[in-house]
Amino acid sequence: RPVHLFYQLMGREWGQIGYQLIYKTVPIYFIYIWTIGL
């Protein structure tokens, strides 16, 4: 492909990280605010 291998794989991974931020990190974060007063 006419795209640098590192660039294309990094782009895909940022999408994965964005998903995990919204659907995993943020919910866990709010659970800890509620349960242990983070």
Full PDB file with SEQRES, HELIX, SHEET, SSBOND, CRYST1, ORIGX, SCALE, CONECT and MASTER records, all heavy atoms in Angstrom:
SEQRES   1 A   38  ARG PRO VAL HIS LEU PHE TYR GLN LEU MET GLY ARG GLU          
SEQRES   2 A   38  TRP GLY GLN ILE GLY TYR GLN LEU ILE TYR LYS THR VAL          
SEQRES   3 A   38  PRO ILE TYR PHE ILE TYR ILE TRP THR ILE GLY LEU              
HELIX    1 AA1 LEU A    5  GLN A   20  1                                  16    
HELIX    2 AA2 LEU A   21  THR A   25  3                                   5    
HELIX    3 AA3 VAL A   26  ILE A   36  1                                  11    
CRYST1    1.000    1.000    1.000  90.00  90.00  90.00 P 1           1          
ORIGX1      1.000000  0.000000  0.000000        0.00000                         
ORIGX2      0.000000  1.000000  0.000000        0.00000                         
ORIGX3      0.000000  0.000000  1.000000        0.00000                         
SCALE1      1.000000  0.000000  0.000000        0.00000                         
SCALE2      0.000000  1.000000  0.000000        0.00000                         
SCALE3      0.000000  0.000000  1.000000        0.00000                         
ATOM      1  N   ARG A   1       0.842  -1.203   0.000  1.00  0.00           N  
ATOM      2  CA  ARG A   1       0.000   0.000   0.000  1.00  0.00           C  
ATOM      3  C   ARG A   1       0.878   1.255   0.000  1.00  0.00           C  
ATOM      4  O   ARG A   1       1.953   1.271   0.602  1.00  0.00           O  
ATOM      5  CB  ARG A   1      -0.905   0.004   1.228  1.00  0.00           C  
ATOM      6  CG  ARG A   1      -1.986  -1.071   1.187  1.00  0.00           C  
ATOM      7  CD  ARG A   1      -2.998  -0.846   2.299  1.00  0.00           C  
ATOM      8  NE  ARG A   1      -4.110  -1.776   2.169  1.00  0.00           N  
ATOM      9  CZ  ARG A   1      -4.393  -2.728   3.050  1.00  0.00           C  
ATOM     10  NH1 ARG A   1      -3.641  -2.877   4.138  1.00  0.00           N  
ATOM     11  NH2 ARG A   1      -5.424  -3.526   2.866  1.00  0.00           N  
ATOM     12  N   PRO A   2       0.405   2.320  -0.643  1.00  0.00           N  
ATOM     13  CA  PRO A   2       1.195   3.563  -0.710  1.00  0.00           C  
ATOM     14  C   PRO A   2       1.114   4.365   0.583  1.00  0.00           C  
ATOM     15  O   PRO A   2       1.011   5.600   0.558  1.00  0.00           O  
ATOM     16  CB  PRO A   2       0.546   4.307  -1.876  1.00  0.00           C  
ATOM     17  CG  PRO A   2      -0.883   3.867  -1.845  1.00  0.00           C  
ATOM     18  CD  PRO A   2      -0.844   2.418  -1.421  1.00  0.00           C  
ATOM     19  N   VAL A   3       1.114   3.669   1.694  1.00  0.00           N  
ATOM     20  CA  VAL A   3       1.058   4.309   3.013  1.00  0.00           C  
ATOM     21  C   VAL A   3       2.081   3.616   3.898  1.00  0.00           C  
ATOM     22  O   VAL A   3       2.225   2.389   3.851  1.00  0.00           O  
ATOM     23  CB  VAL A   3      -0.346   4.168   3.654  1.00  0.00           C  
ATOM     24  CG1 VAL A   3      -0.391   4.908   4.988  1.00  0.00           C  
ATOM     25  CG2 VAL A   3      -1.422   4.673   2.723  1.00  0.00           C  
ATOM     26  N   HIS A   4       2.798   4.395   4.680  1.00  0.00           N  
ATOM     27  CA  HIS A   4       3.806   3.821   5.577  1.00  0.00           C  
ATOM     28  C   HIS A   4       3.156   2.816   6.519  1.00  0.00           C  
ATOM     29  O   HIS A   4       2.088   3.077   7.082  1.00  0.00           O  
ATOM     30  CB  HIS A   4       4.476   4.942   6.377  1.00  0.00           C  
ATOM     31  CG  HIS A   4       5.777   4.551   6.992  1.00  0.00           C  
ATOM     32  ND1 HIS A   4       5.855   3.791   8.130  1.00  0.00           N  
ATOM     33  CD2 HIS A   4       7.056   4.803   6.601  1.00  0.00           C  
ATOM     34  CE1 HIS A   4       7.126   3.605   8.449  1.00  0.00           C  
ATOM     35  NE2 HIS A   4       7.877   4.204   7.532  1.00  0.00           N  
ATOM     36  N   LEU A   5       3.781   1.653   6.669  1.00  0.00           N  
ATOM     37  CA  LEU A   5       3.210   0.592   7.501  1.00  0.00           C  
ATOM     38  C   LEU A   5       2.947   1.062   8.921  1.00  0.00           C  
ATOM     39  O   LEU A   5       1.881   0.784   9.493  1.00  0.00           O  
ATOM     40  CB  LEU A   5       4.150  -0.619   7.508  1.00  0.00           C  
ATOM     41  CG  LEU A   5       3.678  -1.833   8.323  1.00  0.00           C  
ATOM     42  CD1 LEU A   5       2.403  -2.428   7.734  1.00  0.00           C  
ATOM     43  CD2 LEU A   5       4.778  -2.895   8.399  1.00  0.00           C  
ATOM     44  N   PHE A   6       3.896   1.772   9.503  1.00  0.00           N  
ATOM     45  CA  PHE A   6       3.737   2.253  10.876  1.00  0.00           C  
ATOM     46  C   PHE A   6       2.557   3.216  10.969  1.00  0.00           C  
ATOM     47  O   PHE A   6       1.763   3.163  11.913  1.00  0.00           O  
ATOM     48  CB  PHE A   6       5.019   2.933  11.353  1.00  0.00           C  
ATOM     49  CG  PHE A   6       4.918   3.547  12.719  1.00  0.00           C  
ATOM     50  CD1 PHE A   6       4.605   2.769  13.825  1.00  0.00           C  
ATOM     51  CD2 PHE A   6       5.121   4.904  12.910  1.00  0.00           C  
ATOM     52  CE1 PHE A   6       4.508   3.333  15.097  1.00  0.00           C  
ATOM     53  CE2 PHE A   6       5.030   5.480  14.169  1.00  0.00           C  
ATOM     54  CZ  PHE A   6       4.723   4.688  15.260  1.00  0.00           C  
ATOM     55  N   TYR A   7       2.404   4.069   9.974  1.00  0.00           N  
ATOM     56  CA  TYR A   7       1.334   5.067   9.978  1.00  0.00           C  
ATOM     57  C   TYR A   7      -0.041   4.399   9.943  1.00  0.00           C  
ATOM     58  O   TYR A   7      -0.942   4.764  10.707  1.00  0.00           O  
ATOM     59  CB  TYR A   7       1.507   5.995   8.775  1.00  0.00           C  
ATOM     60  CG  TYR A   7       0.483   7.109   8.687  1.00  0.00           C  
ATOM     61  CD1 TYR A   7       0.609   8.249   9.471  1.00  0.00           C  
ATOM     62  CD2 TYR A   7      -0.593   7.030   7.808  1.00  0.00           C  
ATOM     63  CE1 TYR A   7      -0.316   9.278   9.391  1.00  0.00           C  
ATOM     64  CE2 TYR A   7      -1.525   8.048   7.716  1.00  0.00           C  
ATOM     65  CZ  TYR A   7      -1.380   9.172   8.510  1.00  0.00           C  
ATOM     66  OH  TYR A   7      -2.307  10.178   8.431  1.00  0.00           O  
ATOM     67  N   GLN A   8      -0.202   3.409   9.066  1.00  0.00           N  
ATOM     68  CA  GLN A   8      -1.518   2.785   8.953  1.00  0.00           C  
ATOM     69  C   GLN A   8      -1.865   1.949  10.175  1.00  0.00           C  
ATOM     70  O   GLN A   8      -3.011   1.968  10.643  1.00  0.00           O  
ATOM     71  CB  GLN A   8      -1.613   1.937   7.678  1.00  0.00           C  
ATOM     72  CG  GLN A   8      -0.558   0.888   7.497  1.00  0.00           C  
ATOM     73  CD  GLN A   8      -0.763   0.087   6.208  1.00  0.00           C  
ATOM     74  OE1 GLN A   8      -1.807  -0.527   6.032  1.00  0.00           O  
ATOM     75  NE2 GLN A   8       0.224   0.094   5.341  1.00  0.00           N  
ATOM     76  N   LEU A   9      -0.886   1.241  10.737  1.00  0.00           N  
ATOM     77  CA  LEU A   9      -1.166   0.438  11.931  1.00  0.00           C  
ATOM     78  C   LEU A   9      -1.401   1.328  13.148  1.00  0.00           C  
ATOM     79  O   LEU A   9      -2.233   1.016  14.002  1.00  0.00           O  
ATOM     80  CB  LEU A   9      -0.018  -0.538  12.192  1.00  0.00           C  
ATOM     81  CG  LEU A   9       0.188  -1.623  11.127  1.00  0.00           C  
ATOM     82  CD1 LEU A   9       1.345  -2.535  11.511  1.00  0.00           C  
ATOM     83  CD2 LEU A   9      -1.079  -2.439  10.933  1.00  0.00           C  
ATOM     84  N   MET A  10      -0.670   2.438  13.220  1.00  0.00           N  
ATOM     85  CA  MET A  10      -0.870   3.377  14.319  1.00  0.00           C  
ATOM     86  C   MET A  10      -2.277   3.986  14.245  1.00  0.00           C  
ATOM     87  O   MET A  10      -2.959   4.139  15.271  1.00  0.00           O  
ATOM     88  CB  MET A  10       0.177   4.490  14.268  1.00  0.00           C  
ATOM     89  CG  MET A  10      -0.012   5.561  15.330  1.00  0.00           C  
ATOM     90  SD  MET A  10       1.210   6.885  15.240  1.00  0.00           S  
ATOM     91  CE  MET A  10       0.867   7.585  13.626  1.00  0.00           C  
ATOM     92  N   GLY A  11      -2.730   4.322  13.028  1.00  0.00           N  
ATOM     93  CA  GLY A  11      -4.068   4.879  12.865  1.00  0.00           C  
ATOM     94  C   GLY A  11      -5.145   3.930  13.345  1.00  0.00           C  
ATOM     95  O   GLY A  11      -6.080   4.325  14.043  1.00  0.00           O  
ATOM     96  N   ARG A  12      -5.006   2.652  12.976  1.00  0.00           N  
ATOM     97  CA  ARG A  12      -5.971   1.648  13.435  1.00  0.00           C  
ATOM     98  C   ARG A  12      -5.960   1.541  14.957  1.00  0.00           C  
ATOM     99  O   ARG A  12      -7.016   1.436  15.591  1.00  0.00           O  
ATOM    100  CB  ARG A  12      -5.637   0.290  12.832  1.00  0.00           C  
ATOM    101  CG  ARG A  12      -5.818   0.193  11.338  1.00  0.00           C  
ATOM    102  CD  ARG A  12      -5.349  -1.171  10.849  1.00  0.00           C  
ATOM    103  NE  ARG A  12      -5.241  -1.225   9.395  1.00  0.00           N  
ATOM    104  CZ  ARG A  12      -4.649  -2.205   8.745  1.00  0.00           C  
ATOM    105  NH1 ARG A  12      -4.118  -3.217   9.409  1.00  0.00           N  
ATOM    106  NH2 ARG A  12      -4.584  -2.189   7.424  1.00  0.00           N  
ATOM    107  N   GLU A  13      -4.762   1.578  15.534  1.00  0.00           N  
ATOM    108  CA  GLU A  13      -4.673   1.400  16.982  1.00  0.00           C  
ATOM    109  C   GLU A  13      -5.256   2.581  17.746  1.00  0.00           C  
ATOM    110  O   GLU A  13      -5.835   2.416  18.819  1.00  0.00           O  
ATOM    111  CB  GLU A  13      -3.218   1.168  17.397  1.00  0.00           C  
ATOM    112  CG  GLU A  13      -3.057   0.600  18.792  1.00  0.00           C  
ATOM    113  CD  GLU A  13      -3.760  -0.741  18.977  1.00  0.00           C  
ATOM    114  OE1 GLU A  13      -3.877  -1.499  17.993  1.00  0.00           O  
ATOM    115  OE2 GLU A  13      -4.200  -1.018  20.115  1.00  0.00           O  
ATOM    116  N   TRP A  14      -5.131   3.799  17.196  1.00  0.00           N  
ATOM    117  CA  TRP A  14      -5.741   4.948  17.866  1.00  0.00           C  
ATOM    118  C   TRP A  14      -7.257   4.818  17.881  1.00  0.00           C  
ATOM    119  O   TRP A  14      -7.925   5.255  18.815  1.00  0.00           O  
ATOM    120  CB  TRP A  14      -5.328   6.262  17.188  1.00  0.00           C  
ATOM    121  CG  TRP A  14      -4.006   6.787  17.639  1.00  0.00           C  
ATOM    122  CD1 TRP A  14      -2.891   6.992  16.876  1.00  0.00           C  
ATOM    123  CD2 TRP A  14      -3.638   7.181  18.966  1.00  0.00           C  
ATOM    124  NE1 TRP A  14      -1.858   7.485  17.651  1.00  0.00           N  
ATOM    125  CE2 TRP A  14      -2.290   7.614  18.924  1.00  0.00           C  
ATOM    126  CE3 TRP A  14      -4.309   7.200  20.188  1.00  0.00           C  
ATOM    127  CZ2 TRP A  14      -1.614   8.063  20.061  1.00  0.00           C  
ATOM    128  CZ3 TRP A  14      -3.638   7.645  21.319  1.00  0.00           C  
ATOM    129  CH2 TRP A  14      -2.305   8.072  21.248  1.00  0.00           C  
ATOM    130  N   GLY A  15      -7.819   4.194  16.844  1.00  0.00           N  
ATOM    131  CA  GLY A  15      -9.258   3.930  16.852  1.00  0.00           C  
ATOM    132  C   GLY A  15      -9.629   2.962  17.952  1.00  0.00           C  
ATOM    133  O   GLY A  15     -10.650   3.129  18.629  1.00  0.00           O  
ATOM    134  N   GLN A  16      -8.792   1.938  18.121  1.00  0.00           N  
ATOM    135  CA  GLN A  16      -8.998   0.956  19.192  1.00  0.00           C  
ATOM    136  C   GLN A  16      -8.898   1.629  20.559  1.00  0.00           C  
ATOM    137  O   GLN A  16      -9.713   1.393  21.455  1.00  0.00           O  
ATOM    138  CB  GLN A  16      -7.926  -0.143  19.077  1.00  0.00           C  
ATOM    139  CG  GLN A  16      -7.891  -1.139  20.216  1.00  0.00           C  
ATOM    140  CD  GLN A  16      -8.839  -2.294  20.033  1.00  0.00           C  
ATOM    141  OE1 GLN A  16      -9.457  -2.422  18.984  1.00  0.00           O  
ATOM    142  NE2 GLN A  16      -8.966  -3.116  21.041  1.00  0.00           N  
ATOM    143  N   ILE A  17      -7.906   2.492  20.724  1.00  0.00           N  
ATOM    144  CA  ILE A  17      -7.711   3.194  21.993  1.00  0.00           C  
ATOM    145  C   ILE A  17      -8.883   4.132  22.273  1.00  0.00           C  
ATOM    146  O   ILE A  17      -9.355   4.236  23.416  1.00  0.00           O  
ATOM    147  CB  ILE A  17      -6.377   3.974  21.971  1.00  0.00           C  
ATOM    148  CG1 ILE A  17      -5.197   2.994  21.994  1.00  0.00           C  
ATOM    149  CG2 ILE A  17      -6.289   4.942  23.153  1.00  0.00           C  
ATOM    150  CD1 ILE A  17      -3.855   3.650  21.764  1.00  0.00           C  
ATOM    151  N   GLY A  18      -9.375   4.808  21.231  1.00  0.00           N  
ATOM    152  CA  GLY A  18     -10.528   5.692  21.408  1.00  0.00           C  
ATOM    153  C   GLY A  18     -11.750   4.939  21.884  1.00  0.00           C  
ATOM    154  O   GLY A  18     -12.492   5.399  22.759  1.00  0.00           O  
ATOM    155  N   TYR A  19     -11.944   3.747  21.315  1.00  0.00           N  
ATOM    156  CA  TYR A  19     -13.067   2.910  21.738  1.00  0.00           C  
ATOM    157  C   TYR A  19     -12.901   2.486  23.199  1.00  0.00           C  
ATOM    158  O   TYR A  19     -13.853   2.559  23.996  1.00  0.00           O  
ATOM    159  CB  TYR A  19     -13.158   1.670  20.848  1.00  0.00           C  
ATOM    160  CG  TYR A  19     -14.156   0.650  21.329  1.00  0.00           C  
ATOM    161  CD1 TYR A  19     -15.504   0.759  20.998  1.00  0.00           C  
ATOM    162  CD2 TYR A  19     -13.764  -0.409  22.146  1.00  0.00           C  
ATOM    163  CE1 TYR A  19     -16.433  -0.168  21.452  1.00  0.00           C  
ATOM    164  CE2 TYR A  19     -14.685  -1.340  22.606  1.00  0.00           C  
ATOM    165  CZ  TYR A  19     -16.008  -1.218  22.262  1.00  0.00           C  
ATOM    166  OH  TYR A  19     -16.918  -2.132  22.724  1.00  0.00           O  
ATOM    167  N   GLN A  20     -11.706   2.057  23.559  1.00  0.00           N  
ATOM    168  CA  GLN A  20     -11.474   1.593  24.940  1.00  0.00           C  
ATOM    169  C   GLN A  20     -11.560   2.748  25.936  1.00  0.00           C  
ATOM    170  O   GLN A  20     -11.963   2.541  27.088  1.00  0.00           O  
ATOM    171  CB  GLN A  20     -10.116   0.886  25.016  1.00  0.00           C  
ATOM    172  CG  GLN A  20     -10.094  -0.389  24.196  1.00  0.00           C  
ATOM    173  CD  GLN A  20      -8.875  -1.270  24.438  1.00  0.00           C  
ATOM    174  OE1 GLN A  20      -8.921  -2.463  24.195  1.00  0.00           O  
ATOM    175  NE2 GLN A  20      -7.784  -0.701  24.906  1.00  0.00           N  
ATOM    176  N   LEU A  21     -11.207   3.940  25.493  1.00  0.00           N  
ATOM    177  CA  LEU A  21     -11.353   5.114  26.357  1.00  0.00           C  
ATOM    178  C   LEU A  21     -12.815   5.338  26.708  1.00  0.00           C  
ATOM    179  O   LEU A  21     -13.174   5.517  27.879  1.00  0.00           O  
ATOM    180  CB  LEU A  21     -10.777   6.344  25.658  1.00  0.00           C  
ATOM    181  CG  LEU A  21     -11.051   7.697  26.334  1.00  0.00           C  
ATOM    182  CD1 LEU A  21     -10.346   7.768  27.682  1.00  0.00           C  
ATOM    183  CD2 LEU A  21     -10.617   8.849  25.433  1.00  0.00           C  
ATOM    184  N   ILE A  22     -13.686   5.306  25.694  1.00  0.00           N  
ATOM    185  CA  ILE A  22     -15.097   5.629  25.900  1.00  0.00           C  
ATOM    186  C   ILE A  22     -15.863   4.501  26.586  1.00  0.00           C  
ATOM    187  O   ILE A  22     -16.675   4.737  27.485  1.00  0.00           O  
ATOM    188  CB  ILE A  22     -15.762   5.974  24.551  1.00  0.00           C  
ATOM    189  CG1 ILE A  22     -15.143   7.257  23.988  1.00  0.00           C  
ATOM    190  CG2 ILE A  22     -17.279   6.135  24.709  1.00  0.00           C  
ATOM    191  CD1 ILE A  22     -15.609   7.605  22.592  1.00  0.00           C  
ATOM    192  N   TYR A  23     -15.592   3.254  26.179  1.00  0.00           N  
ATOM    193  CA  TYR A  23     -16.397   2.135  26.654  1.00  0.00           C  
ATOM    194  C   TYR A  23     -15.761   1.335  27.793  1.00  0.00           C  
ATOM    195  O   TYR A  23     -16.404   0.444  28.341  1.00  0.00           O  
ATOM    196  CB  TYR A  23     -16.716   1.194  25.483  1.00  0.00           C  
ATOM    197  CG  TYR A  23     -17.725   1.781  24.534  1.00  0.00           C  
ATOM    198  CD1 TYR A  23     -17.320   2.440  23.381  1.00  0.00           C  
ATOM    199  CD2 TYR A  23     -19.090   1.715  24.804  1.00  0.00           C  
ATOM    200  CE1 TYR A  23     -18.243   3.003  22.516  1.00  0.00           C  
ATOM    201  CE2 TYR A  23     -20.024   2.272  23.944  1.00  0.00           C  
ATOM    202  CZ  TYR A  23     -19.594   2.912  22.805  1.00  0.00           C  
ATOM    203  OH  TYR A  23     -20.522   3.475  21.947  1.00  0.00           O  
ATOM    204  N   LYS A  24     -14.525   1.657  28.152  1.00  0.00           N  
ATOM    205  CA  LYS A  24     -13.891   0.931  29.254  1.00  0.00           C  
ATOM    206  C   LYS A  24     -13.312   1.870  30.308  1.00  0.00           C  
ATOM    207  O   LYS A  24     -13.696   1.834  31.477  1.00  0.00           O  
ATOM    208  CB  LYS A  24     -12.812  -0.015  28.701  1.00  0.00           C  
ATOM    209  CG  LYS A  24     -13.398  -1.112  27.825  1.00  0.00           C  
ATOM    210  CD  LYS A  24     -12.369  -2.122  27.375  1.00  0.00           C  
ATOM    211  CE  LYS A  24     -13.045  -3.218  26.551  1.00  0.00           C  
ATOM    212  NZ  LYS A  24     -12.103  -4.277  26.131  1.00  0.00           N  
ATOM    213  N   THR A  25     -12.392   2.744  29.901  1.00  0.00           N  
ATOM    214  CA  THR A  25     -11.749   3.628  30.880  1.00  0.00           C  
ATOM    215  C   THR A  25     -12.751   4.564  31.558  1.00  0.00           C  
ATOM    216  O   THR A  25     -12.769   4.676  32.791  1.00  0.00           O  
ATOM    217  CB  THR A  25     -10.637   4.449  30.208  1.00  0.00           C  
ATOM    218  OG1 THR A  25      -9.571   3.571  29.826  1.00  0.00           O  
ATOM    219  CG2 THR A  25     -10.090   5.504  31.155  1.00  0.00           C  
ATOM    220  N   VAL A  26     -13.572   5.246  30.771  1.00  0.00           N  
ATOM    221  CA  VAL A  26     -14.511   6.222  31.347  1.00  0.00           C  
ATOM    222  C   VAL A  26     -15.525   5.555  32.287  1.00  0.00           C  
ATOM    223  O   VAL A  26     -15.750   6.050  33.402  1.00  0.00           O  
ATOM    224  CB  VAL A  26     -15.223   7.017  30.232  1.00  0.00           C  
ATOM    225  CG1 VAL A  26     -16.353   7.865  30.815  1.00  0.00           C  
ATOM    226  CG2 VAL A  26     -14.220   7.910  29.503  1.00  0.00           C  
ATOM    227  N   PRO A  27     -16.164   4.423  31.907  1.00  0.00           N  
ATOM    228  CA  PRO A  27     -17.084   3.775  32.856  1.00  0.00           C  
ATOM    229  C   PRO A  27     -16.389   3.341  34.156  1.00  0.00           C  
ATOM    230  O   PRO A  27     -16.955   3.525  35.247  1.00  0.00           O  
ATOM    231  CB  PRO A  27     -17.587   2.554  32.077  1.00  0.00           C  
ATOM    232  CG  PRO A  27     -17.468   2.939  30.644  1.00  0.00           C  
ATOM    233  CD  PRO A  27     -16.220   3.767  30.577  1.00  0.00           C  
ATOM    234  N   ILE A  28     -15.193   2.774  34.045  1.00  0.00           N  
ATOM    235  CA  ILE A  28     -14.464   2.359  35.247  1.00  0.00           C  
ATOM    236  C   ILE A  28     -14.137   3.573  36.101  1.00  0.00           C  
ATOM    237  O   ILE A  28     -14.250   3.546  37.341  1.00  0.00           O  
ATOM    238  CB  ILE A  28     -13.175   1.599  34.866  1.00  0.00           C  
ATOM    239  CG1 ILE A  28     -13.531   0.268  34.193  1.00  0.00           C  
ATOM    240  CG2 ILE A  28     -12.311   1.342  36.099  1.00  0.00           C  
ATOM    241  CD1 ILE A  28     -12.339  -0.464  33.612  1.00  0.00           C  
ATOM    242  N   TYR A  29     -13.744   4.658  35.460  1.00  0.00           N  
ATOM    243  CA  TYR A  29     -13.418   5.900  36.161  1.00  0.00           C  
ATOM    244  C   TYR A  29     -14.616   6.385  36.985  1.00  0.00           C  
ATOM    245  O   TYR A  29     -14.482   6.721  38.169  1.00  0.00           O  
ATOM    246  CB  TYR A  29     -12.991   6.944  35.138  1.00  0.00           C  
ATOM    247  CG  TYR A  29     -12.716   8.317  35.688  1.00  0.00           C  
ATOM    248  CD1 TYR A  29     -11.555   8.586  36.404  1.00  0.00           C  
ATOM    249  CD2 TYR A  29     -13.610   9.366  35.483  1.00  0.00           C  
ATOM    250  CE1 TYR A  29     -11.291   9.863  36.899  1.00  0.00           C  
ATOM    251  CE2 TYR A  29     -13.365  10.634  35.968  1.00  0.00           C  
ATOM    252  CZ  TYR A  29     -12.205  10.879  36.678  1.00  0.00           C  
ATOM    253  OH  TYR A  29     -11.959  12.137  37.173  1.00  0.00           O  
ATOM    254  N   PHE A  30     -15.804   6.394  36.380  1.00  0.00           N  
ATOM    255  CA  PHE A  30     -16.999   6.865  37.094  1.00  0.00           C  
ATOM    256  C   PHE A  30     -17.413   5.885  38.198  1.00  0.00           C  
ATOM    257  O   PHE A  30     -17.930   6.309  39.236  1.00  0.00           O  
ATOM    258  CB  PHE A  30     -18.149   7.086  36.119  1.00  0.00           C  
ATOM    259  CG  PHE A  30     -18.070   8.392  35.383  1.00  0.00           C  
ATOM    260  CD1 PHE A  30     -17.820   8.428  34.019  1.00  0.00           C  
ATOM    261  CD2 PHE A  30     -18.214   9.590  36.062  1.00  0.00           C  
ATOM    262  CE1 PHE A  30     -17.735   9.632  33.350  1.00  0.00           C  
ATOM    263  CE2 PHE A  30     -18.129  10.805  35.408  1.00  0.00           C  
ATOM    264  CZ  PHE A  30     -17.890  10.826  34.039  1.00  0.00           C  
ATOM    265  N   ILE A  31     -17.175   4.604  37.989  1.00  0.00           N  
ATOM    266  CA  ILE A  31     -17.452   3.620  39.045  1.00  0.00           C  
ATOM    267  C   ILE A  31     -16.604   3.918  40.271  1.00  0.00           C  
ATOM    268  O   ILE A  31     -17.088   3.874  41.412  1.00  0.00           O  
ATOM    269  CB  ILE A  31     -17.179   2.187  38.538  1.00  0.00           C  
ATOM    270  CG1 ILE A  31     -18.271   1.757  37.558  1.00  0.00           C  
ATOM    271  CG2 ILE A  31     -17.111   1.199  39.709  1.00  0.00           C  
ATOM    272  CD1 ILE A  31     -17.999   0.435  36.886  1.00  0.00           C  
ATOM    273  N   TYR A  32     -15.337   4.278  40.042  1.00  0.00           N  
ATOM    274  CA  TYR A  32     -14.437   4.563  41.167  1.00  0.00           C  
ATOM    275  C   TYR A  32     -14.758   5.898  41.840  1.00  0.00           C  
ATOM    276  O   TYR A  32     -14.543   6.056  43.049  1.00  0.00           O  
ATOM    277  CB  TYR A  32     -12.981   4.526  40.702  1.00  0.00           C  
ATOM    278  CG  TYR A  32     -12.510   3.142  40.315  1.00  0.00           C  
ATOM    279  CD1 TYR A  32     -11.429   2.965  39.451  1.00  0.00           C  
ATOM    280  CD2 TYR A  32     -13.147   2.010  40.803  1.00  0.00           C  
ATOM    281  CE1 TYR A  32     -10.999   1.694  39.095  1.00  0.00           C  
ATOM    282  CE2 TYR A  32     -12.728   0.737  40.453  1.00  0.00           C  
ATOM    283  CZ  TYR A  32     -11.657   0.590  39.597  1.00  0.00           C  
ATOM    284  OH  TYR A  32     -11.231  -0.665  39.250  1.00  0.00           O  
ATOM    285  N   ILE A  33     -15.249   6.845  41.078  1.00  0.00           N  
ATOM    286  CA  ILE A  33     -15.689   8.102  41.700  1.00  0.00           C  
ATOM    287  C   ILE A  33     -16.853   7.819  42.650  1.00  0.00           C  
ATOM    288  O   ILE A  33     -16.923   8.363  43.753  1.00  0.00           O  
ATOM    289  CB  ILE A  33     -16.122   9.114  40.606  1.00  0.00           C  
ATOM    290  CG1 ILE A  33     -14.906   9.602  39.813  1.00  0.00           C  
ATOM    291  CG2 ILE A  33     -16.848  10.307  41.243  1.00  0.00           C  
ATOM    292  CD1 ILE A  33     -15.271  10.508  38.647  1.00  0.00           C  
ATOM    293  N   TRP A  34     -17.738   6.951  42.219  1.00  0.00           N  
ATOM    294  CA  TRP A  34     -18.938   6.632  42.984  1.00  0.00           C  
ATOM    295  C   TRP A  34     -18.633   5.727  44.181  1.00  0.00           C  
ATOM    296  O   TRP A  34     -19.162   5.930  45.284  1.00  0.00           O  
ATOM    297  CB  TRP A  34     -19.957   5.964  42.068  1.00  0.00           C  
ATOM    298  CG  TRP A  34     -21.194   5.484  42.762  1.00  0.00           C  
ATOM    299  CD1 TRP A  34     -22.023   6.193  43.579  1.00  0.00           C  
ATOM    300  CD2 TRP A  34     -21.736   4.158  42.716  1.00  0.00           C  
ATOM    301  NE1 TRP A  34     -23.053   5.413  44.045  1.00  0.00           N  
ATOM    302  CE2 TRP A  34     -22.898   4.149  43.527  1.00  0.00           C  
ATOM    303  CE3 TRP A  34     -21.366   2.993  42.059  1.00  0.00           C  
ATOM    304  CZ2 TRP A  34     -23.670   3.002  43.699  1.00  0.00           C  
ATOM    305  CZ3 TRP A  34     -22.145   1.855  42.222  1.00  0.00           C  
ATOM    306  CH2 TRP A  34     -23.277   1.872  43.041  1.00  0.00           C  
ATOM    307  N   THR A  35     -17.765   4.729  44.010  1.00  0.00           N  
ATOM    308  CA  THR A  35     -17.556   3.727  45.057  1.00  0.00           C  
ATOM    309  C   THR A  35     -16.469   4.090  46.068  1.00  0.00           C  
ATOM    310  O   THR A  35     -16.616   3.800  47.259  1.00  0.00           O  
ATOM    311  CB  THR A  35     -17.211   2.357  44.440  1.00  0.00           C  
ATOM    312  OG1 THR A  35     -16.065   2.501  43.579  1.00  0.00           O  
ATOM    313  CG2 THR A  35     -18.382   1.817  43.634  1.00  0.00           C  
ATOM    314  N   ILE A  36     -15.376   4.695  45.595  1.00  0.00           N  
ATOM    315  CA  ILE A  36     -14.269   4.965  46.532  1.00  0.00           C  
ATOM    316  C   ILE A  36     -13.922   6.443  46.628  1.00  0.00           C  
ATOM    317  O   ILE A  36     -12.951   6.814  47.291  1.00  0.00           O  
ATOM    318  CB  ILE A  36     -13.004   4.166  46.158  1.00  0.00           C  
ATOM    319  CG1 ILE A  36     -12.499   4.586  44.769  1.00  0.00           C  
ATOM    320  CG2 ILE A  36     -13.273   2.672  46.187  1.00  0.00           C  
ATOM    321  CD1 ILE A  36     -11.176   3.943  44.406  1.00  0.00           C  
ATOM    322  N   GLY A  37     -14.705   7.292  45.970  1.00  0.00           N  
ATOM    323  CA  GLY A  37     -14.469   8.726  46.067  1.00  0.00           C  
ATOM    324  C   GLY A  37     -13.202   9.186  45.377  1.00  0.00           C  
ATOM    325  O   GLY A  37     -12.498  10.072  45.880  1.00  0.00           O  
ATOM    326  N   LEU A  38     -12.905   8.597  44.221  1.00  0.00           N  
ATOM    327  CA  LEU A  38     -11.736   9.039  43.449  1.00  0.00           C  
ATOM    328  C   LEU A  38     -11.878  10.533  43.165  1.00  0.00           C  
ATOM    329  O   LEU A  38     -12.882  10.972  42.619  1.00  0.00           O  
ATOM    330  CB  LEU A  38     -11.657   8.260  42.130  1.00  0.00           C  
ATOM    331  CG  LEU A  38     -10.474   8.586  41.209  1.00  0.00           C  
ATOM    332  CD1 LEU A  38      -9.164   8.186  41.863  1.00  0.00           C  
ATOM    333  CD2 LEU A  38     -10.636   7.880  39.865  1.00  0.00           C  
TER     334      LEU A  38                                                      
MASTER        0    0    0    3    0    0    0    6  333    1    0    3          
END                                                                             
